[in-house]
Amino acid sequence: GGSIYQKVNSNLETAVSLAWTAGSN
């Protein structure tokens, strides 16, 4: 798994999340 978080400015926050399991596409 992995995630990225960014506080763009004082009002906006964004995030991206990824996950996968070995042996699965």
PDB file of all heavy atoms in Angstrom:
ATOM      1  N   GLY A   1       0.821  -1.205   0.000  1.00  0.00           N
ATOM      2  CA  GLY A   1       0.000   0.000   0.000  1.00  0.00           C
ATOM      3  C   GLY A   1       0.851   1.249   0.000  1.00  0.00           C
ATOM      4  O   GLY A   1       2.043   1.224   0.316  1.00  0.00           O
ATOM      5  N   GLY A   2       0.227   2.341  -0.362  1.00  0.00           N
ATOM      6  CA  GLY A   2       0.920   3.626  -0.365  1.00  0.00           C
ATOM      7  C   GLY A   2      -0.074   4.761  -0.401  1.00  0.00           C
ATOM      8  O   GLY A   2      -1.232   4.589  -0.810  1.00  0.00           O
ATOM      9  N   SER A   3       0.341   5.919   0.054  1.00  0.00           N
ATOM     10  CA  SER A   3      -0.526   7.091   0.029  1.00  0.00           C
ATOM     11  C   SER A   3       0.315   8.357  -0.089  1.00  0.00           C
ATOM     12  O   SER A   3       1.483   8.389   0.327  1.00  0.00           O
ATOM     13  CB  SER A   3      -1.398   7.164   1.289  1.00  0.00           C
ATOM     14  OG  SER A   3      -0.599   7.355   2.445  1.00  0.00           O
ATOM     15  N   ILE A   4      -0.295   9.363  -0.694  1.00  0.00           N
ATOM     16  CA  ILE A   4       0.325  10.684  -0.817  1.00  0.00           C
ATOM     17  C   ILE A   4      -0.675  11.714  -0.296  1.00  0.00           C
ATOM     18  O   ILE A   4      -1.856  11.681  -0.658  1.00  0.00           O
ATOM     19  CB  ILE A   4       0.683  11.008  -2.277  1.00  0.00           C
ATOM     20  CG1 ILE A   4       1.689   9.988  -2.814  1.00  0.00           C
ATOM     21  CG2 ILE A   4       1.249  12.420  -2.393  1.00  0.00           C
ATOM     22  CD1 ILE A   4       1.987  10.164  -4.300  1.00  0.00           C
ATOM     23  N   TYR A   5      -0.204  12.586   0.564  1.00  0.00           N
ATOM     24  CA  TYR A   5      -1.035  13.660   1.108  1.00  0.00           C
ATOM     25  C   TYR A   5      -0.384  14.993   0.805  1.00  0.00           C
ATOM     26  O   TYR A   5       0.837  15.139   0.932  1.00  0.00           O
ATOM     27  CB  TYR A   5      -1.189  13.499   2.618  1.00  0.00           C
ATOM     28  CG  TYR A   5      -1.740  14.724   3.317  1.00  0.00           C
ATOM     29  CD1 TYR A   5      -3.108  14.948   3.407  1.00  0.00           C
ATOM     30  CD2 TYR A   5      -0.878  15.671   3.879  1.00  0.00           C
ATOM     31  CE1 TYR A   5      -3.613  16.076   4.037  1.00  0.00           C
ATOM     32  CE2 TYR A   5      -1.363  16.798   4.520  1.00  0.00           C
ATOM     33  CZ  TYR A   5      -2.730  16.995   4.591  1.00  0.00           C
ATOM     34  OH  TYR A   5      -3.215  18.125   5.223  1.00  0.00           O
ATOM     35  N   GLN A   6      -1.195  15.958   0.399  1.00  0.00           N
ATOM     36  CA  GLN A   6      -0.674  17.301   0.149  1.00  0.00           C
ATOM     37  C   GLN A   6      -1.664  18.349   0.622  1.00  0.00           C
ATOM     38  O   GLN A   6      -2.868  18.261   0.329  1.00  0.00           O
ATOM     39  CB  GLN A   6      -0.396  17.518  -1.341  1.00  0.00           C
ATOM     40  CG  GLN A   6       0.218  18.887  -1.629  1.00  0.00           C
ATOM     41  CD  GLN A   6       0.544  19.093  -3.092  1.00  0.00           C
ATOM     42  OE1 GLN A   6       0.139  18.316  -3.936  1.00  0.00           O
ATOM     43  NE2 GLN A   6       1.285  20.142  -3.389  1.00  0.00           N
ATOM     44  N   LYS A   7      -1.166  19.311   1.359  1.00  0.00           N
ATOM     45  CA  LYS A   7      -1.967  20.464   1.754  1.00  0.00           C
ATOM     46  C   LYS A   7      -1.694  21.552   0.723  1.00  0.00           C
ATOM     47  O   LYS A   7      -0.666  22.237   0.775  1.00  0.00           O
ATOM     48  CB  LYS A   7      -1.588  20.931   3.161  1.00  0.00           C
ATOM     49  CG  LYS A   7      -2.514  21.994   3.727  1.00  0.00           C
ATOM     50  CD  LYS A   7      -2.170  22.296   5.168  1.00  0.00           C
ATOM     51  CE  LYS A   7      -3.107  23.354   5.760  1.00  0.00           C
ATOM     52  NZ  LYS A   7      -4.499  22.874   5.874  1.00  0.00           N
ATOM     53  N   VAL A   8      -2.604  21.683  -0.227  1.00  0.00           N
ATOM     54  CA  VAL A   8      -2.412  22.593  -1.357  1.00  0.00           C
ATOM     55  C   VAL A   8      -2.359  24.039  -0.881  1.00  0.00           C
ATOM     56  O   VAL A   8      -1.491  24.822  -1.280  1.00  0.00           O
ATOM     57  CB  VAL A   8      -3.522  22.400  -2.397  1.00  0.00           C
ATOM     58  CG1 VAL A   8      -3.318  23.340  -3.588  1.00  0.00           C
ATOM     59  CG2 VAL A   8      -3.557  20.944  -2.878  1.00  0.00           C
ATOM     60  N   ASN A   9      -3.302  24.407  -0.028  1.00  0.00           N
ATOM     61  CA  ASN A   9      -3.307  25.734   0.585  1.00  0.00           C
ATOM     62  C   ASN A   9      -4.049  25.637   1.914  1.00  0.00           C
ATOM     63  O   ASN A   9      -4.357  24.540   2.373  1.00  0.00           O
ATOM     64  CB  ASN A   9      -3.941  26.787  -0.353  1.00  0.00           C
ATOM     65  CG  ASN A   9      -5.330  26.382  -0.836  1.00  0.00           C
ATOM     66  OD1 ASN A   9      -6.170  25.968  -0.037  1.00  0.00           O
ATOM     67  ND2 ASN A   9      -5.553  26.500  -2.145  1.00  0.00           N
ATOM     68  N   SER A  10      -4.340  26.767   2.525  1.00  0.00           N
ATOM     69  CA  SER A  10      -4.954  26.748   3.850  1.00  0.00           C
ATOM     70  C   SER A  10      -6.359  26.163   3.840  1.00  0.00           C
ATOM     71  O   SER A  10      -6.876  25.765   4.891  1.00  0.00           O
ATOM     72  CB  SER A  10      -4.990  28.178   4.421  1.00  0.00           C
ATOM     73  OG  SER A  10      -5.731  29.040   3.564  1.00  0.00           O
ATOM     74  N   ASN A  11      -6.985  26.100   2.656  1.00  0.00           N
ATOM     75  CA  ASN A  11      -8.361  25.601   2.576  1.00  0.00           C
ATOM     76  C   ASN A  11      -8.487  24.220   1.945  1.00  0.00           C
ATOM     77  O   ASN A  11      -9.490  23.536   2.155  1.00  0.00           O
ATOM     78  CB  ASN A  11      -9.234  26.576   1.773  1.00  0.00           C
ATOM     79  CG  ASN A  11      -9.378  27.918   2.456  1.00  0.00           C
ATOM     80  OD1 ASN A  11      -9.447  27.996   3.679  1.00  0.00           O
ATOM     81  ND2 ASN A  11      -9.418  28.988   1.675  1.00  0.00           N
ATOM     82  N   LEU A  12      -7.508  23.802   1.162  1.00  0.00           N
ATOM     83  CA  LEU A  12      -7.638  22.577   0.375  1.00  0.00           C
ATOM     84  C   LEU A  12      -6.580  21.543   0.741  1.00  0.00           C
ATOM     85  O   LEU A  12      -5.388  21.837   0.773  1.00  0.00           O
ATOM     86  CB  LEU A  12      -7.537  22.902  -1.122  1.00  0.00           C
ATOM     87  CG  LEU A  12      -7.639  21.723  -2.086  1.00  0.00           C
ATOM     88  CD1 LEU A  12      -8.991  21.040  -1.960  1.00  0.00           C
ATOM     89  CD2 LEU A  12      -7.396  22.190  -3.519  1.00  0.00           C
ATOM     90  N   GLU A  13      -7.050  20.312   1.012  1.00  0.00           N
ATOM     91  CA  GLU A  13      -6.186  19.164   1.272  1.00  0.00           C
ATOM     92  C   GLU A  13      -6.559  18.045   0.309  1.00  0.00           C
ATOM     93  O   GLU A  13      -7.750  17.807   0.061  1.00  0.00           O
ATOM     94  CB  GLU A  13      -6.349  18.666   2.707  1.00  0.00           C
ATOM     95  CG  GLU A  13      -6.022  19.691   3.774  1.00  0.00           C
ATOM     96  CD  GLU A  13      -6.372  19.200   5.163  1.00  0.00           C
ATOM     97  OE1 GLU A  13      -5.660  18.316   5.682  1.00  0.00           O
ATOM     98  OE2 GLU A  13      -7.384  19.675   5.709  1.00  0.00           O
ATOM     99  N   THR A  14      -5.568  17.344  -0.235  1.00  0.00           N
ATOM    100  CA  THR A  14      -5.825  16.253  -1.163  1.00  0.00           C
ATOM    101  C   THR A  14      -5.028  15.020  -0.760  1.00  0.00           C
ATOM    102  O   THR A  14      -4.011  15.115  -0.056  1.00  0.00           O
ATOM    103  CB  THR A  14      -5.448  16.642  -2.602  1.00  0.00           C
ATOM    104  OG1 THR A  14      -4.036  16.928  -2.652  1.00  0.00           O
ATOM    105  CG2 THR A  14      -6.230  17.868  -3.057  1.00  0.00           C
ATOM    106  N   ALA A  15      -5.484  13.858  -1.212  1.00  0.00           N
ATOM    107  CA  ALA A  15      -4.798  12.609  -0.901  1.00  0.00           C
ATOM    108  C   ALA A  15      -5.065  11.589  -1.996  1.00  0.00           C
ATOM    109  O   ALA A  15      -6.128  11.584  -2.619  1.00  0.00           O
ATOM    110  CB  ALA A  15      -5.249  12.062   0.446  1.00  0.00           C
ATOM    111  N   VAL A  16      -4.083  10.720  -2.218  1.00  0.00           N
ATOM    112  CA  VAL A  16      -4.200   9.605  -3.150  1.00  0.00           C
ATOM    113  C   VAL A  16      -3.784   8.342  -2.408  1.00  0.00           C
ATOM    114  O   VAL A  16      -2.791   8.346  -1.672  1.00  0.00           O
ATOM    115  CB  VAL A  16      -3.311   9.805  -4.398  1.00  0.00           C
ATOM    116  CG1 VAL A  16      -3.406   8.592  -5.316  1.00  0.00           C
ATOM    117  CG2 VAL A  16      -3.694  11.071  -5.135  1.00  0.00           C
ATOM    118  N   SER A  17      -4.545   7.263  -2.577  1.00  0.00           N
ATOM    119  CA  SER A  17      -4.257   6.001  -1.899  1.00  0.00           C
ATOM    120  C   SER A  17      -4.197   4.871  -2.916  1.00  0.00           C
ATOM    121  O   SER A  17      -5.021   4.807  -3.838  1.00  0.00           O
ATOM    122  CB  SER A  17      -5.349   5.710  -0.857  1.00  0.00           C
ATOM    123  OG  SER A  17      -5.137   4.456  -0.242  1.00  0.00           O
ATOM    124  N   LEU A  18      -3.203   3.982  -2.752  1.00  0.00           N
ATOM    125  CA  LEU A  18      -3.021   2.824  -3.628  1.00  0.00           C
ATOM    126  C   LEU A  18      -2.843   1.579  -2.776  1.00  0.00           C
ATOM    127  O   LEU A  18      -2.244   1.637  -1.699  1.00  0.00           O
ATOM    128  CB  LEU A  18      -1.800   2.995  -4.529  1.00  0.00           C
ATOM    129  CG  LEU A  18      -1.825   4.116  -5.569  1.00  0.00           C
ATOM    130  CD1 LEU A  18      -0.436   4.297  -6.154  1.00  0.00           C
ATOM    131  CD2 LEU A  18      -2.805   3.794  -6.680  1.00  0.00           C
ATOM    132  N   ALA A  19      -3.358   0.436  -3.272  1.00  0.00           N
ATOM    133  CA  ALA A  19      -3.181  -0.832  -2.556  1.00  0.00           C
ATOM    134  C   ALA A  19      -3.323  -1.990  -3.524  1.00  0.00           C
ATOM    135  O   ALA A  19      -4.113  -1.925  -4.467  1.00  0.00           O
ATOM    136  CB  ALA A  19      -4.197  -0.957  -1.424  1.00  0.00           C
ATOM    137  N   TRP A  20      -2.542  -3.025  -3.319  1.00  0.00           N
ATOM    138  CA  TRP A  20      -2.680  -4.238  -4.124  1.00  0.00           C
ATOM    139  C   TRP A  20      -2.160  -5.427  -3.328  1.00  0.00           C
ATOM    140  O   TRP A  20      -1.423  -5.293  -2.351  1.00  0.00           O
ATOM    141  CB  TRP A  20      -1.968  -4.097  -5.469  1.00  0.00           C
ATOM    142  CG  TRP A  20      -0.476  -4.036  -5.407  1.00  0.00           C
ATOM    143  CD1 TRP A  20       0.410  -5.068  -5.518  1.00  0.00           C
ATOM    144  CD2 TRP A  20       0.320  -2.852  -5.220  1.00  0.00           C
ATOM    145  NE1 TRP A  20       1.694  -4.597  -5.420  1.00  0.00           N
ATOM    146  CE2 TRP A  20       1.674  -3.253  -5.231  1.00  0.00           C
ATOM    147  CE3 TRP A  20       0.016  -1.490  -5.042  1.00  0.00           C
ATOM    148  CZ2 TRP A  20       2.714  -2.342  -5.073  1.00  0.00           C
ATOM    149  CZ3 TRP A  20       1.055  -0.596  -4.874  1.00  0.00           C
ATOM    150  CH2 TRP A  20       2.390  -1.026  -4.893  1.00  0.00           C
ATOM    151  N   THR A  21      -2.570  -6.619  -3.776  1.00  0.00           N
ATOM    152  CA  THR A  21      -2.206  -7.861  -3.111  1.00  0.00           C
ATOM    153  C   THR A  21      -1.348  -8.711  -4.040  1.00  0.00           C
ATOM    154  O   THR A  21      -1.646  -8.817  -5.234  1.00  0.00           O
ATOM    155  CB  THR A  21      -3.468  -8.653  -2.707  1.00  0.00           C
ATOM    156  OG1 THR A  21      -4.291  -7.815  -1.884  1.00  0.00           O
ATOM    157  CG2 THR A  21      -3.101  -9.904  -1.930  1.00  0.00           C
ATOM    158  N   ALA A  22      -0.294  -9.309  -3.486  1.00  0.00           N
ATOM    159  CA  ALA A  22       0.580 -10.156  -4.287  1.00  0.00           C
ATOM    160  C   ALA A  22      -0.222 -11.310  -4.897  1.00  0.00           C
ATOM    161  O   ALA A  22      -1.072 -11.910  -4.236  1.00  0.00           O
ATOM    162  CB  ALA A  22       1.711 -10.706  -3.425  1.00  0.00           C
ATOM    163  N   GLY A  23       0.045 -11.614  -6.163  1.00  0.00           N
ATOM    164  CA  GLY A  23      -0.670 -12.681  -6.843  1.00  0.00           C
ATOM    165  C   GLY A  23      -1.979 -12.254  -7.453  1.00  0.00           C
ATOM    166  O   GLY A  23      -2.703 -13.065  -8.026  1.00  0.00           O
ATOM    167  N   SER A  24      -2.304 -10.964  -7.341  1.00  0.00           N
ATOM    168  CA  SER A  24      -3.541 -10.439  -7.910  1.00  0.00           C
ATOM    169  C   SER A  24      -3.226  -9.232  -8.770  1.00  0.00           C
ATOM    170  O   SER A  24      -2.352  -8.426  -8.451  1.00  0.00           O
ATOM    171  CB  SER A  24      -4.509 -10.039  -6.793  1.00  0.00           C
ATOM    172  OG  SER A  24      -5.631  -9.358  -7.313  1.00  0.00           O
ATOM    173  N   ASN A  25      -3.946  -9.121  -9.878  1.00  0.00           N
ATOM    174  CA  ASN A  25      -3.757  -7.984 -10.772  1.00  0.00           C
ATOM    175  C   ASN A  25      -4.683  -6.828 -10.431  1.00  0.00           C
ATOM    176  O   ASN A  25      -4.681  -5.806 -11.117  1.00  0.00           O
ATOM    177  CB  ASN A  25      -3.993  -8.412 -12.228  1.00  0.00           C
ATOM    178  CG  ASN A  25      -2.947  -9.391 -12.719  1.00  0.00           C
ATOM    179  OD1 ASN A  25      -1.785  -9.294 -12.339  1.00  0.00           O
ATOM    180  ND2 ASN A  25      -3.363 -10.349 -13.548  1.00  0.00           N
TER     181      ASN A  25
END
